[in-house]
């Protein structure tokens, strides 16, 4: 079992929530091999901003090898793990999330998708060569990136957009500002009858996120009316989040899902997330083909990914980052 440092923080610094949550809503499940998957993907992005995919084609070997290396890293002594930190913004972090006071019952590795410099520090912690560690991460990231691009192209077709790669090309660009994150949530006792927050509620600022975790629960998503529902653990499937940038590019038709992670009382949770982002200079705005012909009904001001990323770094996790870029708020 993976454990954190023996140093225990004051638990009152962490947000806590009641453990009872609604379980009546089913998470959309989409079989990527089926012919009706395009329409199902669009519907899931409109109604939830979140869905689970099966028949994804990611080799099991890539998943198991990376999880094994993640567990090995997080099981290392704190003094060793800290050699891979602090996150600036990439690197090892423990409990502190971002630069604005957010904390969670979590430790993590944040990596750029250009791994050469990152892997030098991390590989030494787990006693491997940088080449071996880099190969393992690259194999996994390359596979999930391809799946993300396939999904984005299916979404474009489902939206009747003539240029099917209008979204996927942003991830395929050599200058794509994508990142990869490994999270570890150690077991945590219930505090005064409530669960501690592992990772506070937020939306992902990028275009699309691809999540895979071990067979431990904790992830929750927020429905449109604000209620939270748990996402059943499934170590063989992948979960997809619509990000803020995709919400803007679809002019609000797709919803960037608000989500959080609760600490599990009994088992460690290890998750791996690929955040597919555009190049820093890319202009983010509603796609012209999704706007009504002859009208300017865009809900958002145009901005670059660099501008939005900079704004997001200044915010707290739970902030509504997009409100600063809404046309109604700006007028």
Protein backbone atom coordinates (compact mmCIF):
# COMPACT_ATOMS: atom_id res chain seq x y z
CA UNK A 1 0.00 0.00 0.00
CA UNK A 2 1.27 3.48 -0.86
CA UNK A 3 1.70 5.83 2.07
CA UNK A 4 2.66 9.45 2.50
CA UNK A 5 5.07 11.03 4.91
CA UNK A 6 4.49 10.30 8.58
CA UNK A 7 4.17 14.02 9.17
CA UNK A 8 0.46 14.65 9.69
CA UNK A 9 -0.94 18.11 8.97
CA UNK A 10 -3.68 19.66 11.04
CA UNK A 11 -6.74 18.12 9.39
CA UNK A 12 -8.81 21.24 10.03
CA UNK A 13 -6.90 23.04 7.27
CA UNK A 14 -8.62 20.78 4.72
CA UNK A 15 -12.18 21.29 3.52
CA UNK A 16 -14.59 18.56 4.60
CA UNK A 17 -17.87 17.35 3.12
CA UNK A 18 -20.64 15.00 4.13
CA UNK A 19 -20.16 11.48 2.80
CA UNK A 20 -23.78 10.91 1.71
CA UNK A 21 -24.21 11.68 -2.00
CA UNK A 22 -26.80 10.88 -4.66
CA UNK A 23 -26.10 7.73 -6.67
CA UNK A 24 -29.21 7.72 -8.88
CA UNK A 25 -27.61 9.35 -11.93
CA UNK A 26 -25.72 7.09 -14.32
CA UNK A 27 -22.44 8.30 -15.82
CA UNK A 28 -22.63 8.19 -19.64
CA UNK A 29 -20.88 5.09 -20.97
CA UNK A 30 -19.69 5.22 -24.57
CA UNK A 31 -18.33 2.31 -26.59
CA UNK A 32 -15.91 3.93 -29.04
CA UNK A 33 -16.21 0.95 -31.39
CA UNK A 34 -19.94 1.47 -32.02
CA UNK A 35 -21.29 3.41 -35.04
CA UNK A 36 -23.57 5.60 -32.90
CA UNK A 37 -20.72 6.78 -30.68
CA UNK A 38 -20.50 10.25 -32.34
CA UNK A 39 -24.03 11.25 -31.36
CA UNK A 40 -23.56 9.72 -27.91
CA UNK A 41 -20.37 11.72 -27.39
CA UNK A 42 -22.08 14.98 -28.33
CA UNK A 43 -25.01 14.28 -26.02
CA UNK A 44 -22.71 13.43 -23.11
CA UNK A 45 -20.70 16.64 -23.61
CA UNK A 46 -23.89 18.70 -23.72
CA UNK A 47 -25.57 17.15 -20.70
CA UNK A 48 -22.66 16.22 -18.42
CA UNK A 49 -19.36 17.44 -19.85
CA UNK A 50 -18.09 14.05 -18.70
CA UNK A 51 -18.28 10.41 -19.80
CA UNK A 52 -16.63 7.01 -19.59
CA UNK A 53 -15.23 5.24 -22.65
CA UNK A 54 -14.66 1.55 -23.27
CA UNK A 55 -13.03 -0.25 -26.22
CA UNK A 56 -10.52 2.59 -26.16
CA UNK A 57 -7.60 0.63 -27.58
CA UNK A 58 -5.03 1.69 -24.95
CA UNK A 59 -2.68 -1.28 -24.32
CA UNK A 60 -3.05 -2.70 -20.82
CA UNK A 61 0.73 -2.99 -20.64
CA UNK A 62 1.14 0.80 -20.96
CA UNK A 63 -1.33 1.37 -18.11
CA UNK A 64 0.08 -1.21 -15.70
CA UNK A 65 3.71 -0.24 -16.24
CA UNK A 66 3.07 3.44 -15.60
CA UNK A 67 0.94 2.78 -12.53
CA UNK A 68 3.68 0.54 -11.16
CA UNK A 69 6.27 3.29 -11.58
CA UNK A 70 3.91 5.85 -10.03
CA UNK A 71 3.39 3.64 -6.97
CA UNK A 72 7.13 3.12 -6.67
CA UNK A 73 7.72 6.86 -6.77
CA UNK A 74 5.02 7.76 -4.24
CA UNK A 75 6.21 4.96 -1.91
CA UNK A 76 9.67 6.54 -1.74
CA UNK A 77 10.79 8.45 1.37
CA UNK A 78 9.63 12.07 1.46
CA UNK A 79 13.24 13.26 1.42
CA UNK A 80 13.71 11.50 -1.92
CA UNK A 81 10.43 12.65 -3.46
CA UNK A 82 11.16 16.26 -2.60
CA UNK A 83 14.19 16.09 -4.89
CA UNK A 84 11.70 16.12 -7.77
CA UNK A 85 10.05 19.31 -6.48
CA UNK A 86 8.83 21.84 -5.82
CA UNK A 87 6.41 22.20 -8.76
CA UNK A 88 7.37 25.30 -10.74
CA UNK A 89 4.97 24.57 -12.32
CA UNK A 90 6.13 20.99 -13.14
CA UNK A 91 7.57 18.66 -10.52
CA UNK A 92 6.55 17.05 -7.23
CA UNK A 93 3.99 18.67 -4.95
CA UNK A 94 2.51 17.63 -1.62
CA UNK A 95 -0.80 18.94 -0.24
CA UNK A 96 -0.42 22.47 -1.65
CA UNK A 97 -2.28 22.89 -4.96
CA UNK A 98 -1.38 25.91 -7.05
CA UNK A 99 -0.14 29.23 -5.75
CA UNK A 100 -3.23 30.63 -4.06
CA UNK A 101 -3.67 28.71 -0.83
CA UNK A 102 -5.62 25.65 -2.02
CA UNK A 103 -4.73 22.44 -0.19
CA UNK A 104 -5.80 18.81 -0.56
CA UNK A 105 -5.09 15.34 0.80
CA UNK A 106 -2.92 14.59 -2.22
CA UNK A 107 0.62 14.38 -3.51
CA UNK A 108 1.37 14.59 -7.19
CA UNK A 109 3.80 14.75 -10.07
CA UNK A 110 3.06 17.33 -12.76
CA UNK A 111 4.96 16.78 -15.99
CA UNK A 112 5.16 18.57 -19.30
CA UNK A 113 4.75 16.38 -22.35
CA UNK A 114 8.34 17.28 -23.22
CA UNK A 115 9.79 14.96 -20.61
CA UNK A 116 13.55 15.22 -20.98
CA UNK A 117 14.21 17.64 -18.12
CA UNK A 118 11.41 16.32 -15.89
CA UNK A 119 12.48 12.69 -16.09
CA UNK A 120 16.06 13.39 -15.05
CA UNK A 121 14.92 14.36 -11.54
CA UNK A 122 12.13 11.80 -11.18
CA UNK A 123 13.99 8.74 -12.48
CA UNK A 124 16.69 9.15 -9.85
CA UNK A 125 14.07 8.89 -7.09
CA UNK A 126 12.81 5.49 -8.30
CA UNK A 127 16.30 4.21 -9.13
CA UNK A 128 15.84 4.01 -12.90
CA UNK A 129 17.50 5.56 -15.89
CA UNK A 130 15.76 8.66 -17.27
CA UNK A 131 15.40 6.83 -20.59
CA UNK A 132 13.38 3.98 -19.04
CA UNK A 133 11.09 6.29 -17.10
CA UNK A 134 10.65 8.60 -20.08
CA UNK A 135 9.79 5.68 -22.38
CA UNK A 136 7.12 4.44 -19.99
CA UNK A 137 5.47 7.86 -19.67
CA UNK A 138 5.80 8.63 -23.37
CA UNK A 139 4.18 5.34 -24.42
CA UNK A 140 1.20 6.04 -22.21
CA UNK A 141 0.85 9.73 -23.10
CA UNK A 142 1.16 9.04 -26.83
CA UNK A 143 -1.62 6.46 -26.62
CA UNK A 144 -4.06 8.59 -24.61
CA UNK A 145 -3.29 11.63 -26.77
CA UNK A 146 -4.29 9.65 -29.85
CA UNK A 147 -7.50 8.59 -28.15
CA UNK A 148 -8.22 12.19 -27.16
CA UNK A 149 -7.69 13.31 -30.75
CA UNK A 150 -9.93 10.53 -32.07
CA UNK A 151 -12.67 11.62 -29.65
CA UNK A 152 -12.30 15.27 -30.65
CA UNK A 153 -12.61 14.32 -34.32
CA UNK A 154 -15.70 12.25 -33.58
CA UNK A 155 -17.16 15.23 -31.71
CA UNK A 156 -16.43 17.51 -34.67
CA UNK A 157 -18.23 15.10 -36.98
CA UNK A 158 -21.12 14.82 -34.51
CA UNK A 159 -21.40 18.63 -34.54
CA UNK A 160 -21.46 18.56 -38.37
CA UNK A 161 -18.23 20.58 -38.59
CA UNK A 162 -16.74 20.19 -42.05
CA UNK A 163 -13.11 20.35 -40.87
CA UNK A 164 -13.02 17.22 -38.75
CA UNK A 165 -9.57 17.93 -37.25
CA UNK A 166 -10.37 21.52 -36.20
CA UNK A 167 -10.05 20.50 -32.53
CA UNK A 168 -7.60 17.60 -32.68
CA UNK A 169 -4.99 19.59 -34.61
CA UNK A 170 -4.48 21.79 -31.55
CA UNK A 171 -3.31 18.77 -29.56
CA UNK A 172 -1.24 17.42 -32.45
CA UNK A 173 0.58 20.73 -32.93
CA UNK A 174 4.25 20.49 -31.92
CA UNK A 175 3.74 23.57 -29.76
CA UNK A 176 0.74 22.08 -27.96
CA UNK A 177 0.80 23.14 -24.30
CA UNK A 178 -0.36 19.83 -22.86
CA UNK A 179 0.58 18.46 -19.43
CA UNK A 180 0.43 15.13 -17.65
CA UNK A 181 -0.29 14.59 -13.98
CA UNK A 182 0.09 11.64 -11.61
CA UNK A 183 -1.93 11.96 -8.38
CA UNK A 184 -1.72 9.89 -5.20
CA UNK A 185 -4.44 10.14 -2.54
CA UNK A 186 -3.38 8.21 0.58
CA UNK A 187 -6.00 6.63 2.86
CA UNK A 188 -7.43 9.23 5.19
CA UNK A 189 -9.69 8.75 8.24
CA UNK A 190 -13.12 10.33 8.28
CA UNK A 191 -12.90 13.59 10.23
CA UNK A 192 -15.85 14.39 12.53
CA UNK A 193 -18.11 12.20 10.39
CA UNK A 194 -17.07 13.93 7.16
CA UNK A 195 -14.65 13.13 4.34
CA UNK A 196 -11.63 15.31 3.67
CA UNK A 197 -11.16 16.86 0.28
CA UNK A 198 -8.39 15.20 -1.71
CA UNK A 199 -8.61 17.71 -4.58
CA UNK A 200 -11.06 20.61 -4.36
CA UNK A 201 -13.84 21.37 -6.83
CA UNK A 202 -12.70 22.89 -10.11
CA UNK A 203 -12.97 22.76 -13.87
CA UNK A 204 -10.05 21.94 -16.16
CA UNK A 205 -8.94 24.96 -18.23
CA UNK A 206 -7.64 22.97 -21.22
CA UNK A 207 -9.60 21.51 -24.16
CA UNK A 208 -10.01 17.93 -22.96
CA UNK A 209 -8.79 15.75 -20.08
CA UNK A 210 -8.27 11.98 -20.13
CA UNK A 211 -8.38 10.33 -16.71
CA UNK A 212 -7.57 6.82 -15.59
CA UNK A 213 -7.36 5.69 -11.96
CA UNK A 214 -6.90 2.50 -9.99
CA UNK A 215 -9.87 0.67 -8.53
CA UNK A 216 -10.45 3.15 -5.68
CA UNK A 217 -13.41 5.53 -5.50
CA UNK A 218 -13.30 9.24 -4.66
CA UNK A 219 -14.00 11.17 -7.87
CA UNK A 220 -17.25 13.16 -8.01
CA UNK A 221 -18.80 15.40 -10.66
CA UNK A 222 -21.30 18.22 -10.25
CA UNK A 223 -24.57 18.13 -12.17
CA UNK A 224 -26.12 21.25 -13.71
CA UNK A 225 -28.32 21.88 -10.66
CA UNK A 226 -25.27 21.74 -8.39
CA UNK A 227 -25.64 18.31 -6.77
CA UNK A 228 -22.61 16.04 -6.57
CA UNK A 229 -22.60 12.43 -7.75
CA UNK A 230 -19.86 9.84 -7.23
CA UNK A 231 -18.11 8.27 -10.20
CA UNK A 232 -17.76 4.51 -9.63
CA UNK A 233 -14.15 3.36 -9.84
CA UNK A 234 -13.19 1.46 -12.99
CA UNK A 235 -9.52 0.72 -13.57
CA UNK A 236 -10.09 -0.65 -17.07
CA UNK A 237 -11.89 2.35 -18.57
CA UNK A 238 -11.06 5.99 -19.20
CA UNK A 239 -13.02 9.06 -18.15
CA UNK A 240 -13.14 12.18 -20.30
CA UNK A 241 -13.67 15.76 -19.08
CA UNK A 242 -14.75 18.68 -21.24
CA UNK A 243 -12.42 21.60 -20.42
CA UNK A 244 -13.08 25.34 -20.31
CA UNK A 245 -11.46 25.91 -23.70
CA UNK A 246 -13.76 23.39 -25.39
CA UNK A 247 -16.78 25.02 -23.75
CA UNK A 248 -15.73 28.32 -25.31
CA UNK A 249 -15.00 26.80 -28.73
CA UNK A 250 -18.48 25.25 -28.81
CA UNK A 251 -19.97 28.57 -27.61
CA UNK A 252 -21.27 26.97 -24.44
CA UNK A 253 -22.92 24.00 -26.12
CA UNK A 254 -20.50 21.65 -24.35
CA UNK A 255 -20.13 22.12 -20.61
CA UNK A 256 -16.84 22.15 -18.73
CA UNK A 257 -17.55 19.77 -15.86
CA UNK A 258 -16.94 20.80 -12.26
CA UNK A 259 -15.37 17.91 -10.35
CA UNK A 260 -13.55 17.06 -7.12
CA UNK A 261 -11.93 14.12 -5.31
CA UNK A 262 -12.73 12.99 -1.77
CA UNK A 263 -10.08 11.16 0.24
CA UNK A 264 -10.85 7.46 0.63
CA UNK A 265 -10.91 6.11 4.18
CA UNK A 266 -9.43 2.71 3.39
CA UNK A 267 -7.38 2.60 0.19
CA UNK A 268 -4.87 4.64 -1.76
CA UNK A 269 -6.08 6.17 -5.00
CA UNK A 270 -3.66 6.67 -7.89
CA UNK A 271 -4.81 8.58 -10.95
CA UNK A 272 -3.18 9.63 -14.22
CA UNK A 273 -4.51 12.57 -16.22
CA UNK A 274 -3.56 13.87 -19.64
CA UNK A 275 -4.61 17.50 -20.10
CA UNK A 276 -4.80 18.30 -23.81
CA UNK A 277 -4.06 21.97 -24.36
CA UNK A 278 -3.52 24.18 -27.43
CA UNK A 279 -0.35 26.13 -28.26
CA UNK A 280 0.17 29.16 -26.02
CA UNK A 281 -0.40 31.57 -28.92
CA UNK A 282 -3.62 29.86 -30.09
CA UNK A 283 -6.68 32.10 -30.12
CA UNK A 284 -9.62 30.58 -28.27
CA UNK A 285 -13.07 31.62 -29.48
CA UNK A 286 -16.33 29.98 -30.59
CA UNK A 287 -15.88 28.12 -33.88
CA UNK A 288 -17.51 30.15 -36.69
CA UNK A 289 -19.34 27.06 -37.98
CA UNK A 290 -21.17 26.79 -34.65
CA UNK A 291 -22.39 30.38 -34.64
CA UNK A 292 -25.67 31.30 -36.29
CA UNK A 293 -25.12 32.46 -39.85
CA UNK A 294 -25.11 36.22 -40.23
CA UNK A 295 -25.06 36.93 -36.49
CA UNK A 296 -22.46 37.50 -33.84
CA UNK A 297 -23.93 35.52 -30.98
CA UNK A 298 -20.63 34.59 -29.40
CA UNK A 299 -20.90 34.27 -25.64
CA UNK A 300 -17.18 34.83 -25.10
CA UNK A 301 -14.48 37.33 -25.90
CA UNK A 302 -11.59 35.99 -27.95
CA UNK A 303 -8.45 35.26 -25.95
CA UNK A 304 -5.23 33.33 -26.36
CA UNK A 305 -4.52 30.17 -24.42
CA UNK A 306 -1.58 32.00 -22.80
CA UNK A 307 -3.93 34.73 -21.53
CA UNK A 308 -6.38 32.21 -20.12
CA UNK A 309 -3.68 30.05 -18.57
CA UNK A 310 -2.15 33.10 -16.91
CA UNK A 311 -5.55 34.09 -15.54
CA UNK A 312 -6.22 30.56 -14.29
CA UNK A 313 -2.93 30.46 -12.38
CA UNK A 314 -4.01 33.58 -10.48
CA UNK A 315 -7.33 32.05 -9.42
CA UNK A 316 -8.35 29.63 -6.71
CA UNK A 317 -9.52 26.14 -7.64
CA UNK A 318 -13.23 26.76 -7.14
CA UNK A 319 -13.33 30.09 -9.03
CA UNK A 320 -15.40 30.43 -12.18
CA UNK A 321 -12.50 31.35 -14.45
CA UNK A 322 -14.57 31.80 -17.59
CA UNK A 323 -16.71 34.60 -16.15
CA UNK A 324 -13.88 37.05 -16.83
CA UNK A 325 -14.10 36.20 -20.54
CA UNK A 326 -17.86 36.23 -21.00
CA UNK A 327 -19.12 38.95 -23.29
CA UNK A 328 -22.10 39.76 -21.08
CA UNK A 329 -19.86 40.36 -18.07
CA UNK A 330 -17.47 42.42 -20.17
CA UNK A 331 -20.08 44.77 -21.63
